[in-house]
Amino acid sequence: MGLIRIIPTVLLAVCVMPAAAQTRPAEKPRPKAEPQASAPDTLQEAESLLQKQQYVEAEEKLQSLIGAQAENPQAWFDLGFAQSHLNKTAESITAYKKAAELSPKWFEASMNLGLALAKAGNLADAAGTLKITVTLKPTTGGQLALSRTWLTLAQVIEGNQPQEALADYQKAAELDPTNIEPQLGAAKLMEQTGDLAGAEQKYLNTAEIGNGESVKRLITLYLKQKRYADAENWLRKYMAANPQNMAAQVQLVKLLEAQGKNKEAIAILEPINNASADPKVARELAGLYLEGKQYEAAAKLFQGLAQNGTQDAQFHRDYGMALLHQLKYADAQAELLKAVQQKPDLTEVYMDLAYAAQQNKNHELAIRALDARAKFLPETPGTYFLRATAYDSLRLYKPAATNYKLFLTAAAGKFPDQEFQARHRLIAIEPRK
């Protein structure tokens, strides 16, 4: 008895996700030429080796058999199957092509040829072959086998022919309504091509019957559209079905944060952080504390994280801000300085660094921070005033006076207290005429 085998889905290239799966043995077309007396035994021995996954030995035996029976489609088919498992993709294509030529109506040979071509990256020929395959009658599997082939064809062509692929996904779904893959594939393609309403409906159809991937993609789609209430609704449904899924809980925290519901987010994340050693959870909670102006709690978490290894520029910026709001200027200066040293274009840090340095009476650093900021951002009344007071403190009165004047021009009456101070300092530091 011959063997029907479909190449396992894992063999295809990354760009293709075939739906075909391995099937059980079934009767196959026999060679047109009269076989030699030993041929049936040789073929049976080779297929026994294939069943045992002894592909090297099976390949050797089948090549020997083909030498005697070059017109035997079953031998070519089995050889292609063995070679596909040995990662001999080019050789398997040759073998499957020969099997399909010898037996043009053989569904499984055509199917495996299409998959092998796709694995080799020859998507155009793979698509052409699979378009023939869907017109053939499967030896086993009936409509389900045809559905898997339509699905595979859709996945092969969706990169270049999205509309035709959507039609193929639809045919796959019609042939096997119980399989979620065609609907999910169509939904992903609709999302990629900008049909967000169509994608949403497909995701909803599959999410409502409990498909986890559809729920995740639906939530992501809502987040992209800033439909936070809809995203939160589905995320809570997912969490109800998966209460131990920490990733979902963290995503809910981020979703609540995006809606400004920091207290709710903190209430969810605090017990997770207490039960977890994951630094990402602690980092997220520290950020929430910072936004919620719980600076002491934020700084405590940041301090613990800082002791566990190197952190990025944003971490040092956030830690520095938590310290700055606690008036711990020296420590804040150190963290903010690390932030801009790691990422000089983190422009929002320079003003805070200048302020911390000024409070530490490190006037030279304050001026350097303000000058570095000016390379990225326009000056403001605040930068002029802070620079002026820094120069003034260093008794560098000429640049101090210049910046006081620039401040007064830019302030235009909006900062009366600082403007009063600037005018009085100008009287004190500028020489009288």
Protein backbone atom coordinates (compact mmCIF):
# COMPACT_ATOMS: atom_id res chain seq x y z
CA MET A 1 0.00 0.00 0.00
CA GLY A 2 1.32 3.42 -0.90
CA LEU A 3 1.71 6.31 1.52
CA ILE A 4 0.07 9.72 1.41
CA ARG A 5 2.22 12.29 3.13
CA ILE A 6 1.89 16.07 3.22
CA ILE A 7 5.00 18.05 4.18
CA PRO A 8 4.66 19.22 7.79
CA THR A 9 3.86 22.91 8.11
CA VAL A 10 7.11 23.69 9.85
CA LEU A 11 8.99 23.10 6.61
CA LEU A 12 7.68 26.21 4.92
CA ALA A 13 9.56 29.50 4.86
CA VAL A 14 8.73 32.12 7.48
CA CYS A 15 6.64 34.15 5.07
CA VAL A 16 4.22 31.26 4.58
CA MET A 17 2.10 29.46 7.18
CA PRO A 18 0.61 26.44 5.43
CA ALA A 19 -2.41 24.64 6.72
CA ALA A 20 -1.49 21.19 5.41
CA ALA A 21 -0.71 18.41 7.88
CA GLN A 22 0.54 14.81 7.65
CA THR A 23 -2.07 12.16 6.80
CA ARG A 24 -2.29 8.40 7.25
CA PRO A 25 -1.40 5.70 4.65
CA ALA A 26 -3.81 5.17 1.77
CA GLU A 27 -3.91 3.61 -1.68
CA LYS A 28 -1.90 5.41 -4.38
CA PRO A 29 -1.69 5.28 -8.15
CA ARG A 30 0.54 2.47 -9.35
CA PRO A 31 3.21 2.69 -12.07
CA LYS A 32 2.05 2.38 -15.62
CA ALA A 33 4.93 0.07 -16.53
CA GLU A 34 4.94 -3.50 -15.31
CA PRO A 35 7.20 -3.57 -12.22
CA GLN A 36 10.00 -6.01 -11.65
CA ALA A 37 9.26 -8.91 -9.31
CA SER A 38 11.23 -7.38 -6.45
CA ALA A 39 9.82 -3.84 -6.85
CA PRO A 40 6.75 -4.15 -4.59
CA ASP A 41 8.88 -5.53 -1.80
CA THR A 42 11.44 -2.77 -2.28
CA LEU A 43 8.76 -0.06 -2.19
CA GLN A 44 7.17 -1.63 0.86
CA GLU A 45 10.55 -1.76 2.61
CA ALA A 46 11.19 1.91 1.77
CA GLU A 47 7.80 2.95 3.08
CA SER A 48 8.40 0.97 6.26
CA LEU A 49 11.60 2.98 6.73
CA LEU A 50 9.63 6.21 6.20
CA GLN A 51 7.17 5.16 8.87
CA LYS A 52 10.12 4.64 11.21
CA GLN A 53 11.50 8.07 10.23
CA GLN A 54 14.66 6.48 8.88
CA TYR A 55 14.85 8.92 6.02
CA VAL A 56 18.46 8.41 4.93
CA GLU A 57 17.96 4.67 4.49
CA ALA A 58 14.60 5.22 2.80
CA GLU A 59 16.15 7.69 0.35
CA GLU A 60 18.86 5.24 -0.63
CA LYS A 61 16.37 2.43 -1.23
CA LEU A 62 14.01 4.66 -3.21
CA GLN A 63 16.78 5.99 -5.44
CA SER A 64 17.71 2.40 -6.20
CA LEU A 65 14.10 1.57 -6.98
CA ILE A 66 13.72 4.59 -9.29
CA GLY A 67 16.78 3.45 -11.18
CA ALA A 68 14.75 0.39 -12.14
CA GLN A 69 11.30 2.05 -12.28
CA ALA A 70 11.67 5.64 -13.44
CA GLU A 71 7.95 5.79 -14.30
CA ASN A 72 6.71 4.83 -10.82
CA PRO A 73 4.94 7.92 -9.35
CA GLN A 74 4.70 6.38 -5.89
CA ALA A 75 8.46 5.89 -5.71
CA TRP A 76 9.08 9.50 -6.76
CA PHE A 77 6.52 10.73 -4.23
CA ASP A 78 8.08 8.77 -1.38
CA LEU A 79 11.54 9.95 -2.40
CA GLY A 80 10.37 13.57 -2.27
CA PHE A 81 8.92 12.96 1.17
CA ALA A 82 12.18 11.47 2.48
CA GLN A 83 14.24 14.31 0.99
CA SER A 84 11.95 16.98 2.45
CA HIS A 85 12.68 15.55 5.90
CA LEU A 86 16.39 15.62 5.15
CA ASN A 87 16.13 19.33 4.25
CA LYS A 88 17.02 18.54 0.65
CA THR A 89 14.43 20.99 -0.64
CA ALA A 90 15.66 21.27 -4.23
CA GLU A 91 15.86 17.48 -4.58
CA SER A 92 12.39 17.04 -3.05
CA ILE A 93 10.96 19.52 -5.56
CA THR A 94 12.40 17.46 -8.41
CA ALA A 95 10.95 14.26 -6.98
CA TYR A 96 7.48 15.69 -6.30
CA LYS A 97 7.42 17.32 -9.72
CA LYS A 98 8.15 13.97 -11.35
CA ALA A 99 5.41 12.27 -9.29
CA ALA A 100 2.92 14.98 -10.31
CA GLU A 101 3.91 14.70 -13.98
CA LEU A 102 3.48 10.91 -13.93
CA SER A 103 0.15 11.18 -12.10
CA PRO A 104 -1.35 14.63 -12.96
CA LYS A 105 -4.54 14.06 -10.99
CA TRP A 106 -2.77 13.05 -7.80
CA PHE A 107 -3.85 15.66 -5.25
CA GLU A 108 -1.23 14.87 -2.60
CA ALA A 109 1.69 14.96 -5.04
CA SER A 110 0.58 18.35 -6.32
CA MET A 111 0.05 19.61 -2.79
CA ASN A 112 3.48 18.55 -1.57
CA LEU A 113 5.11 20.05 -4.65
CA GLY A 114 3.44 23.39 -3.92
CA LEU A 115 4.61 23.30 -0.30
CA ALA A 116 8.17 22.41 -1.27
CA LEU A 117 8.26 25.27 -3.77
CA ALA A 118 7.00 27.65 -1.08
CA LYS A 119 9.64 26.44 1.33
CA ALA A 120 12.27 27.18 -1.32
CA GLY A 121 10.91 30.74 -1.57
CA ASN A 122 9.53 30.23 -5.06
CA LEU A 123 6.11 31.60 -4.20
CA ALA A 124 5.05 32.26 -7.79
CA ASP A 125 5.50 28.62 -8.84
CA ALA A 126 4.08 27.46 -5.51
CA ALA A 127 0.94 29.49 -6.13
CA GLY A 128 0.63 28.15 -9.69
CA THR A 129 0.93 24.57 -8.44
CA LEU A 130 -1.53 25.03 -5.59
CA LYS A 131 -4.06 26.58 -7.96
CA ILE A 132 -3.96 23.28 -9.83
CA THR A 133 -4.13 21.32 -6.57
CA VAL A 134 -7.45 22.86 -5.53
CA THR A 135 -9.03 21.54 -8.74
CA LEU A 136 -8.09 17.94 -7.87
CA LYS A 137 -9.82 15.39 -5.66
CA PRO A 138 -8.00 14.43 -2.46
CA THR A 139 -7.33 10.71 -1.95
CA THR A 140 -8.24 11.16 1.70
CA GLY A 141 -9.63 14.03 3.76
CA GLY A 142 -12.26 15.21 1.29
CA GLN A 143 -13.40 18.79 1.86
CA LEU A 144 -11.14 19.22 4.87
CA ALA A 145 -8.08 18.49 2.75
CA LEU A 146 -9.33 20.92 0.09
CA SER A 147 -9.96 23.55 2.76
CA ARG A 148 -6.39 23.22 4.01
CA THR A 149 -5.12 23.64 0.45
CA TRP A 150 -7.16 26.79 -0.16
CA LEU A 151 -5.85 28.12 3.15
CA THR A 152 -2.26 27.36 2.15
CA LEU A 153 -2.78 29.03 -1.24
CA ALA A 154 -4.13 32.14 0.47
CA GLN A 155 -1.09 32.29 2.74
CA VAL A 156 1.28 31.87 -0.20
CA ILE A 157 -0.20 34.70 -2.29
CA GLU A 158 -1.35 37.21 0.34
CA GLY A 159 1.83 39.26 0.10
CA ASN A 160 1.33 40.09 -3.59
CA GLN A 161 -2.35 39.36 -4.24
CA PRO A 162 -4.24 40.32 -1.08
CA GLN A 163 -7.71 40.49 -2.64
CA GLU A 164 -7.37 37.08 -4.27
CA ALA A 165 -6.00 35.73 -0.99
CA LEU A 166 -9.07 36.99 0.86
CA ALA A 167 -11.26 35.10 -1.60
CA ASP A 168 -9.18 31.97 -1.02
CA TYR A 169 -9.50 32.35 2.76
CA GLN A 170 -13.26 32.55 2.24
CA LYS A 171 -13.29 29.32 0.21
CA ALA A 172 -11.26 27.59 2.91
CA ALA A 173 -13.74 28.76 5.55
CA GLU A 174 -16.73 27.57 3.52
CA LEU A 175 -15.23 24.09 3.10
CA ASP A 176 -14.42 23.79 6.80
CA PRO A 177 -16.55 26.14 8.92
CA THR A 178 -15.16 24.63 12.13
CA ASN A 179 -11.60 25.76 11.38
CA ILE A 180 -10.81 29.21 12.77
CA GLU A 181 -7.57 29.60 10.80
CA PRO A 182 -9.14 30.91 7.55
CA GLN A 183 -11.11 33.59 9.39
CA LEU A 184 -8.11 34.55 11.47
CA GLY A 185 -5.86 34.67 8.41
CA ALA A 186 -8.36 36.86 6.58
CA ALA A 187 -8.66 39.16 9.61
CA LYS A 188 -4.89 39.64 9.81
CA LEU A 189 -4.72 40.39 6.09
CA MET A 190 -7.59 42.89 6.32
CA GLU A 191 -5.81 44.65 9.17
CA GLN A 192 -2.56 44.78 7.17
CA THR A 193 -4.33 46.24 4.14
CA GLY A 194 -6.19 48.88 6.16
CA ASP A 195 -9.65 47.33 6.30
CA LEU A 196 -9.90 47.74 10.07
CA ALA A 197 -13.69 47.39 10.19
CA GLY A 198 -13.54 44.09 8.30
CA ALA A 199 -10.68 42.86 10.46
CA GLU A 200 -12.56 43.79 13.63
CA GLN A 201 -15.61 41.80 12.55
CA LYS A 202 -13.50 38.72 11.73
CA TYR A 203 -11.67 38.96 15.04
CA LEU A 204 -14.99 39.36 16.86
CA ASN A 205 -16.43 36.27 15.16
CA THR A 206 -13.56 34.10 16.34
CA ALA A 207 -13.04 35.82 19.70
CA GLU A 208 -16.65 35.25 20.67
CA ILE A 209 -16.18 31.49 20.38
CA GLY A 210 -13.15 31.61 22.64
CA ASN A 211 -10.14 31.83 20.34
CA GLY A 212 -7.34 33.32 22.44
CA GLU A 213 -5.25 34.66 19.57
CA SER A 214 -8.26 36.47 18.14
CA VAL A 215 -8.91 38.11 21.50
CA LYS A 216 -5.29 39.29 21.71
CA ARG A 217 -5.36 40.69 18.18
CA LEU A 218 -8.72 42.36 18.76
CA ILE A 219 -7.34 44.06 21.86
CA THR A 220 -4.27 45.21 19.93
CA LEU A 221 -6.49 46.55 17.14
CA TYR A 222 -8.55 48.54 19.63
CA LEU A 223 -5.42 49.92 21.27
CA LYS A 224 -4.10 51.12 17.89
CA GLN A 225 -7.39 52.96 17.38
CA LYS A 226 -7.30 54.31 20.96
CA ARG A 227 -10.60 52.57 21.66
CA TYR A 228 -9.55 51.96 25.23
CA ALA A 229 -12.96 51.06 26.63
CA ASP A 230 -13.44 48.31 24.02
CA ALA A 231 -9.90 47.05 24.59
CA GLU A 232 -10.41 47.00 28.35
CA ASN A 233 -13.69 45.11 27.97
CA TRP A 234 -12.09 42.31 25.94
CA LEU A 235 -8.97 42.25 28.05
CA ARG A 236 -11.04 41.69 31.18
CA LYS A 237 -12.89 38.88 29.40
CA TYR A 238 -9.57 37.30 28.49
CA MET A 239 -8.31 37.64 32.06
CA ALA A 240 -11.47 36.01 33.40
CA ALA A 241 -10.69 32.98 31.24
CA ASN A 242 -6.95 33.16 31.99
CA PRO A 243 -6.67 34.46 35.58
CA GLN A 244 -3.03 33.40 35.97
CA ASN A 245 -1.84 35.14 32.83
CA MET A 246 0.49 37.81 34.20
CA ALA A 247 1.16 39.32 30.76
CA ALA A 248 -2.56 40.07 30.40
CA GLN A 249 -2.63 41.70 33.83
CA VAL A 250 0.34 43.88 32.96
CA GLN A 251 -1.34 44.83 29.66
CA LEU A 252 -4.46 45.83 31.57
CA VAL A 253 -2.30 48.01 33.78
CA LYS A 254 -0.87 49.77 30.72
CA LEU A 255 -4.36 50.16 29.29
CA LEU A 256 -5.65 51.73 32.50
CA GLU A 257 -2.60 53.98 32.56
CA ALA A 258 -3.36 55.14 29.00
CA GLN A 259 -6.84 56.13 30.19
CA GLY A 260 -5.43 58.02 33.17
CA LYS A 261 -6.74 55.45 35.63
CA ASN A 262 -3.50 55.28 37.58
CA LYS A 263 -5.03 54.36 40.93
CA GLU A 264 -6.76 51.32 39.41
CA ALA A 265 -3.56 50.38 37.61
CA ILE A 266 -1.52 50.61 40.81
CA ALA A 267 -4.08 48.54 42.71
CA ILE A 268 -3.70 45.73 40.15
CA LEU A 269 0.08 45.93 39.83
CA GLU A 270 1.07 46.18 43.51
CA PRO A 271 0.12 42.58 44.43
CA ILE A 272 1.67 41.32 41.21
CA ASN A 273 4.92 43.08 42.06
CA ASN A 274 4.87 41.74 45.62
CA ALA A 275 4.52 38.19 44.31
CA SER A 276 6.95 38.56 41.43
CA ALA A 277 10.68 39.03 41.07
CA ASP A 278 10.26 40.33 37.54
CA PRO A 279 12.09 43.69 37.21
CA LYS A 280 9.75 44.69 34.37
CA VAL A 281 6.81 44.62 36.76
CA ALA A 282 8.70 46.71 39.33
CA ARG A 283 9.71 49.16 36.60
CA GLU A 284 6.12 49.55 35.44
CA LEU A 285 4.91 50.11 39.00
CA ALA A 286 7.65 52.66 39.67
CA GLY A 287 6.54 54.58 36.59
CA LEU A 288 2.95 54.57 37.83
CA TYR A 289 4.03 55.85 41.23
CA LEU A 290 5.98 58.62 39.52
CA GLU A 291 3.01 59.70 37.42
CA GLY A 292 0.79 59.51 40.50
CA LYS A 293 3.22 61.81 42.39
CA GLN A 294 4.05 59.07 44.87
CA TYR A 295 7.69 60.03 44.65
CA GLU A 296 8.98 58.24 47.73
CA ALA A 297 7.45 54.92 46.69
CA ALA A 298 8.75 55.40 43.14
CA ALA A 299 12.28 56.20 44.32
CA LYS A 300 12.34 53.13 46.56
CA LEU A 301 11.55 50.85 43.61
CA PHE A 302 13.99 52.66 41.34
CA GLN A 303 16.71 52.30 43.95
CA GLY A 304 16.18 48.54 44.12
CA LEU A 305 16.22 48.24 40.35
CA ALA A 306 19.39 50.33 40.08
CA GLN A 307 21.19 47.86 42.33
CA ASN A 308 20.34 44.98 39.98
CA GLY A 309 22.40 46.13 37.01
CA THR A 310 22.77 48.65 34.23
CA GLN A 311 19.66 50.61 33.30
CA ASP A 312 18.70 52.70 30.27
CA ALA A 313 18.54 56.47 29.94
CA GLN A 314 14.79 56.66 30.54
CA PHE A 315 15.22 54.77 33.80
CA HIS A 316 17.82 57.27 35.04
CA ARG A 317 15.59 60.15 33.97
CA ASP A 318 12.58 58.78 35.87
CA TYR A 319 14.64 57.91 38.94
CA GLY A 320 16.17 61.37 38.85
CA MET A 321 12.74 63.01 38.70
CA ALA A 322 11.51 60.99 41.70
CA LEU A 323 14.56 62.19 43.66
CA LEU A 324 14.21 65.77 42.40
CA HIS A 325 10.63 66.00 43.69
CA GLN A 326 11.89 64.86 47.09
CA LEU A 327 14.42 67.73 47.01
CA LYS A 328 17.31 65.25 46.96
CA TYR A 329 19.19 67.40 44.50
CA ALA A 330 22.61 65.75 44.60
CA ASP A 331 21.23 62.28 43.93
CA ALA A 332 18.82 63.65 41.33
CA GLN A 333 21.67 65.43 39.56
CA ALA A 334 23.68 62.20 39.40
CA GLU A 335 20.80 60.23 37.84
CA LEU A 336 19.81 62.94 35.36
CA LEU A 337 23.42 63.32 34.29
CA LYS A 338 23.58 59.56 33.58
CA ALA A 339 20.44 59.91 31.46
CA VAL A 340 21.89 62.52 29.10
CA GLN A 341 25.28 60.83 29.01
CA GLN A 342 23.60 57.65 27.76
CA LYS A 343 21.19 59.44 25.43
CA PRO A 344 22.24 63.01 24.57
CA ASP A 345 19.06 63.63 22.55
CA LEU A 346 16.81 63.00 25.58
CA THR A 347 16.05 66.70 25.41
CA GLU A 348 13.46 66.99 28.18
CA VAL A 349 16.09 66.04 30.78
CA TYR A 350 18.42 69.03 30.33
CA MET A 351 16.20 71.59 32.04
CA ASP A 352 15.64 69.33 35.04
CA LEU A 353 19.37 68.60 35.21
CA ALA A 354 20.14 72.32 35.09
CA TYR A 355 17.67 72.97 37.92
CA ALA A 356 19.09 70.17 40.08
CA ALA A 357 22.65 71.40 39.44
CA GLN A 358 21.65 74.97 40.30
CA GLN A 359 20.15 73.81 43.59
CA ASN A 360 23.41 71.98 44.29
CA LYS A 361 25.26 75.24 43.56
CA ASN A 362 26.94 73.49 40.65
CA HIS A 363 26.43 76.53 38.45
CA GLU A 364 28.91 75.45 35.78
CA LEU A 365 26.98 72.20 35.19
CA ALA A 366 23.71 74.12 35.09
CA ILE A 367 25.06 76.35 32.31
CA ARG A 368 26.43 73.36 30.36
CA ALA A 369 23.08 71.59 30.62
CA LEU A 370 21.20 74.65 29.37
CA ASP A 371 23.63 75.16 26.49
CA ALA A 372 23.29 71.48 25.52
CA ARG A 373 19.50 71.84 25.55
CA ALA A 374 19.74 74.86 23.25
CA LYS A 375 21.24 72.62 20.56
CA PHE A 376 17.96 70.71 20.36
CA LEU A 377 15.22 73.07 21.53
CA PRO A 378 14.47 76.81 21.37
CA GLU A 379 15.19 78.96 24.40
CA THR A 380 12.36 79.82 26.80
CA PRO A 381 11.95 82.46 29.50
CA GLY A 382 12.83 79.73 32.00
CA THR A 383 16.12 78.79 30.35
CA TYR A 384 17.17 82.44 30.06
CA PHE A 385 16.40 83.11 33.72
CA LEU A 386 18.12 79.96 35.01
CA ARG A 387 21.21 80.66 32.92
CA ALA A 388 21.26 84.28 34.08
CA THR A 389 21.13 83.32 37.76
CA ALA A 390 23.84 80.70 37.22
CA TYR A 391 26.19 83.26 35.66
CA ASP A 392 25.21 85.76 38.36
CA SER A 393 26.13 83.26 41.09
CA LEU A 394 29.52 82.77 39.41
CA ARG A 395 29.93 86.59 39.34
CA LEU A 396 30.13 86.50 35.56
CA TYR A 397 28.04 89.60 35.29
CA LYS A 398 28.25 90.35 31.57
CA PRO A 399 26.64 87.03 30.38
CA ALA A 400 24.34 87.24 33.39
CA ALA A 401 23.09 90.65 32.28
CA THR A 402 22.67 89.46 28.69
CA ASN A 403 20.48 86.55 29.80
CA TYR A 404 18.46 88.70 32.25
CA LYS A 405 17.62 91.01 29.35
CA LEU A 406 16.72 88.11 27.08
CA PHE A 407 14.49 86.79 29.84
CA LEU A 408 12.69 90.12 30.27
CA THR A 409 12.02 90.33 26.54
CA ALA A 410 10.72 86.75 26.36
CA ALA A 411 8.72 86.93 29.60
CA ALA A 412 6.65 89.93 28.47
CA GLY A 413 4.97 90.38 31.85
CA LYS A 414 4.00 86.71 32.37
CA PHE A 415 6.40 86.10 35.26
CA PRO A 416 6.18 89.19 37.48
CA ASP A 417 8.19 87.90 40.43
CA GLN A 418 11.13 86.75 38.31
CA GLU A 419 10.93 89.90 36.20
CA PHE A 420 11.16 92.03 39.34
CA GLN A 421 14.22 90.05 40.43
CA ALA A 422 15.85 90.36 36.99
CA ARG A 423 15.40 94.14 36.88
CA HIS A 424 16.89 94.59 40.34
CA ARG A 425 19.84 92.34 39.53
CA LEU A 426 20.50 94.33 36.36
CA ILE A 427 20.62 97.51 38.44
CA ALA A 428 23.11 95.82 40.77
CA ILE A 429 25.43 94.22 38.23
CA GLU A 430 25.49 96.63 35.31
CA PRO A 431 27.85 99.55 35.57
CA ARG A 432 26.13 102.90 35.97
CA LYS A 433 26.46 105.38 33.16
